[in-house]
Amino acid sequence: METIVLDQIDTVILRELRNDGRMSYRELGERVGLSATAVAARTQRLLDEEIISGFMAQINHRALGNTIHALVDIKFNQSQFGPDFIPLLDTLPQVTAARFVTGPFDCALDVWVESSDELTQLLIDLKRTGDVAEMQTRLVLMTTKS
């Protein structure tokens, strides 16, 4: 795969779109010092080159009543996760991201729940798969950059 070189304007476009993916090309152009047409062409090039892979909504979990944000690290019983684990994740709306990682744990889950009771039940459900050998749960106190 060929490395794509970005100039300073491309870098600013990416930063601005990461902060607000719905801003108009006119507003984006004002922020980077280009016309709306020029910034639209640059953004399209970043999409075509798959530097930008899409635009998505950033969910305010607290507004939905989910006040507990936890990170759940999982070590599987075997060298690879079992066949029941990924399908289970699809049924758990509390899990907002699952990353398969290196290190002492095999998987890291991002979890949002309403209460400690809901978190407890989620951890029980995860253990029930038979795939989980060990879990470590950490509560997120503050997030400064997402």
Protein backbone atom coordinates (compact mmCIF):
# COMPACT_ATOMS: atom_id res chain seq x y z
CA MET A 1 0.00 0.00 0.00
CA GLU A 2 1.31 3.38 -0.99
CA THR A 3 1.79 5.99 1.73
CA ILE A 4 -0.28 9.10 1.17
CA VAL A 5 1.33 12.42 2.03
CA LEU A 6 -0.90 15.08 3.55
CA ASP A 7 -0.10 18.76 3.56
CA GLN A 8 -0.91 21.17 6.40
CA ILE A 9 -4.30 22.10 4.93
CA ASP A 10 -5.33 18.42 4.64
CA THR A 11 -4.34 17.92 8.28
CA VAL A 12 -6.49 20.87 9.37
CA ILE A 13 -9.41 19.62 7.26
CA LEU A 14 -9.18 16.23 8.98
CA ARG A 15 -9.04 17.83 12.44
CA GLU A 16 -12.02 20.10 11.73
CA LEU A 17 -14.11 17.25 10.27
CA ARG A 18 -13.24 15.03 13.25
CA ASN A 19 -14.65 17.77 15.51
CA ASP A 20 -17.73 18.42 13.35
CA GLY A 21 -18.35 16.13 10.39
CA ARG A 22 -21.52 18.00 9.47
CA MET A 23 -20.01 21.44 8.94
CA SER A 24 -20.60 22.97 5.51
CA TYR A 25 -17.84 23.24 2.93
CA ARG A 26 -18.22 27.03 3.18
CA GLU A 27 -17.53 26.98 6.93
CA LEU A 28 -14.71 24.44 6.53
CA GLY A 29 -13.20 26.58 3.78
CA GLU A 30 -13.27 29.65 6.04
CA ARG A 31 -11.42 27.71 8.74
CA VAL A 32 -8.64 26.54 6.40
CA GLY A 33 -8.46 29.57 4.09
CA LEU A 34 -9.90 28.00 0.93
CA SER A 35 -13.05 28.41 -1.12
CA ALA A 36 -15.93 26.00 -0.54
CA THR A 37 -15.23 24.44 -3.95
CA ALA A 38 -11.54 23.88 -3.19
CA VAL A 39 -12.21 22.37 0.23
CA ALA A 40 -14.94 20.14 -1.24
CA ALA A 41 -12.43 18.83 -3.82
CA ARG A 42 -9.83 18.16 -1.11
CA THR A 43 -12.41 16.41 1.09
CA GLN A 44 -13.52 14.26 -1.86
CA ARG A 45 -9.86 13.32 -2.52
CA LEU A 46 -9.48 12.31 1.15
CA LEU A 47 -12.61 10.16 0.77
CA ASP A 48 -11.41 8.66 -2.53
CA GLU A 49 -8.01 7.81 -1.01
CA GLU A 50 -9.83 6.28 2.00
CA ILE A 51 -8.15 8.65 4.45
CA ILE A 52 -11.71 9.53 5.51
CA SER A 53 -13.67 6.30 5.78
CA GLY A 54 -17.03 7.86 6.61
CA PHE A 55 -18.99 10.23 8.79
CA MET A 56 -20.89 9.18 11.89
CA ALA A 57 -22.90 10.59 14.76
CA GLN A 58 -21.21 10.99 18.11
CA ILE A 59 -23.65 9.70 20.74
CA ASN A 60 -24.10 11.44 24.10
CA HIS A 61 -24.52 8.35 26.28
CA ARG A 62 -25.25 10.40 29.39
CA ALA A 63 -28.26 12.02 27.67
CA LEU A 64 -29.57 8.47 27.17
CA GLY A 65 -29.30 7.79 30.90
CA ASN A 66 -26.04 5.82 30.75
CA THR A 67 -23.96 7.43 33.47
CA ILE A 68 -21.38 4.68 33.96
CA HIS A 69 -18.61 4.33 31.37
CA ALA A 70 -16.40 1.28 31.89
CA LEU A 71 -13.54 -0.44 30.12
CA VAL A 72 -13.69 -4.22 30.36
CA ASP A 73 -10.52 -6.16 29.55
CA ILE A 74 -11.06 -9.82 28.71
CA LYS A 75 -8.69 -12.78 28.56
CA PHE A 76 -10.09 -15.77 26.72
CA ASN A 77 -9.81 -19.40 27.82
CA GLN A 78 -8.10 -20.34 24.58
CA SER A 79 -5.58 -18.65 22.33
CA GLN A 80 -8.43 -17.24 20.22
CA PHE A 81 -11.90 -16.18 21.26
CA GLY A 82 -14.63 -18.77 20.98
CA PRO A 83 -17.37 -18.83 18.35
CA ASP A 84 -20.01 -17.49 20.75
CA PHE A 85 -18.23 -14.27 21.68
CA ILE A 86 -18.61 -11.95 18.66
CA PRO A 87 -22.27 -12.90 18.06
CA LEU A 88 -22.91 -12.15 21.75
CA LEU A 89 -21.44 -8.65 21.34
CA ASP A 90 -23.99 -7.92 18.62
CA THR A 91 -26.78 -8.51 21.18
CA LEU A 92 -25.30 -6.20 23.84
CA PRO A 93 -26.09 -2.55 23.10
CA GLN A 94 -24.11 -1.54 26.21
CA VAL A 95 -20.90 -2.52 24.39
CA THR A 96 -20.07 0.42 22.13
CA ALA A 97 -16.69 -0.87 20.90
CA ALA A 98 -14.73 -4.11 21.00
CA ARG A 99 -11.01 -4.12 20.25
CA PHE A 100 -8.95 -7.28 19.97
CA VAL A 101 -5.55 -6.36 21.37
CA THR A 102 -2.08 -7.58 22.28
CA GLY A 103 -0.78 -7.78 25.83
CA PRO A 104 -2.03 -9.61 28.91
CA PHE A 105 -5.68 -9.37 27.75
CA ASP A 106 -7.15 -10.39 24.41
CA CYS A 107 -10.03 -7.95 24.09
CA ALA A 108 -10.97 -4.51 25.40
CA LEU A 109 -14.62 -3.47 25.52
CA ASP A 110 -16.00 0.05 25.80
CA VAL A 111 -19.20 -0.15 27.85
CA TRP A 112 -21.92 2.36 28.79
CA VAL A 113 -24.60 1.41 31.35
CA GLU A 114 -27.22 3.10 33.55
CA SER A 115 -26.30 1.47 36.84
CA SER A 116 -23.87 -0.77 38.67
CA ASP A 117 -26.57 -3.48 38.60
CA GLU A 118 -26.64 -3.31 34.80
CA LEU A 119 -22.83 -3.49 34.69
CA THR A 120 -22.88 -6.52 36.99
CA GLN A 121 -25.42 -8.27 34.77
CA LEU A 122 -23.38 -7.48 31.65
CA LEU A 123 -20.24 -8.99 33.24
CA ILE A 124 -22.22 -12.11 34.19
CA ASP A 125 -23.53 -12.40 30.61
CA LEU A 126 -19.99 -12.12 29.22
CA LYS A 127 -18.71 -14.84 31.56
CA ARG A 128 -21.57 -17.16 30.60
CA THR A 129 -20.17 -17.66 27.10
CA GLY A 130 -17.50 -19.98 28.48
CA ASP A 131 -14.93 -18.11 26.40
CA VAL A 132 -13.87 -15.74 29.21
CA ALA A 133 -11.07 -16.85 31.54
CA GLU A 134 -10.44 -13.50 33.24
CA MET A 135 -11.89 -9.98 33.26
CA GLN A 136 -10.73 -6.67 34.60
CA THR A 137 -13.15 -3.75 34.76
CA ARG A 138 -12.13 -0.12 35.08
CA LEU A 139 -14.48 2.84 35.46
CA VAL A 140 -13.80 5.88 33.29
CA LEU A 141 -13.69 9.03 35.40
CA MET A 142 -13.17 11.56 32.60
CA THR A 143 -12.52 11.62 28.86
CA THR A 144 -10.68 14.59 27.36
CA LYS A 145 -10.22 13.44 23.78
CA SER A 146 -12.27 10.97 21.78
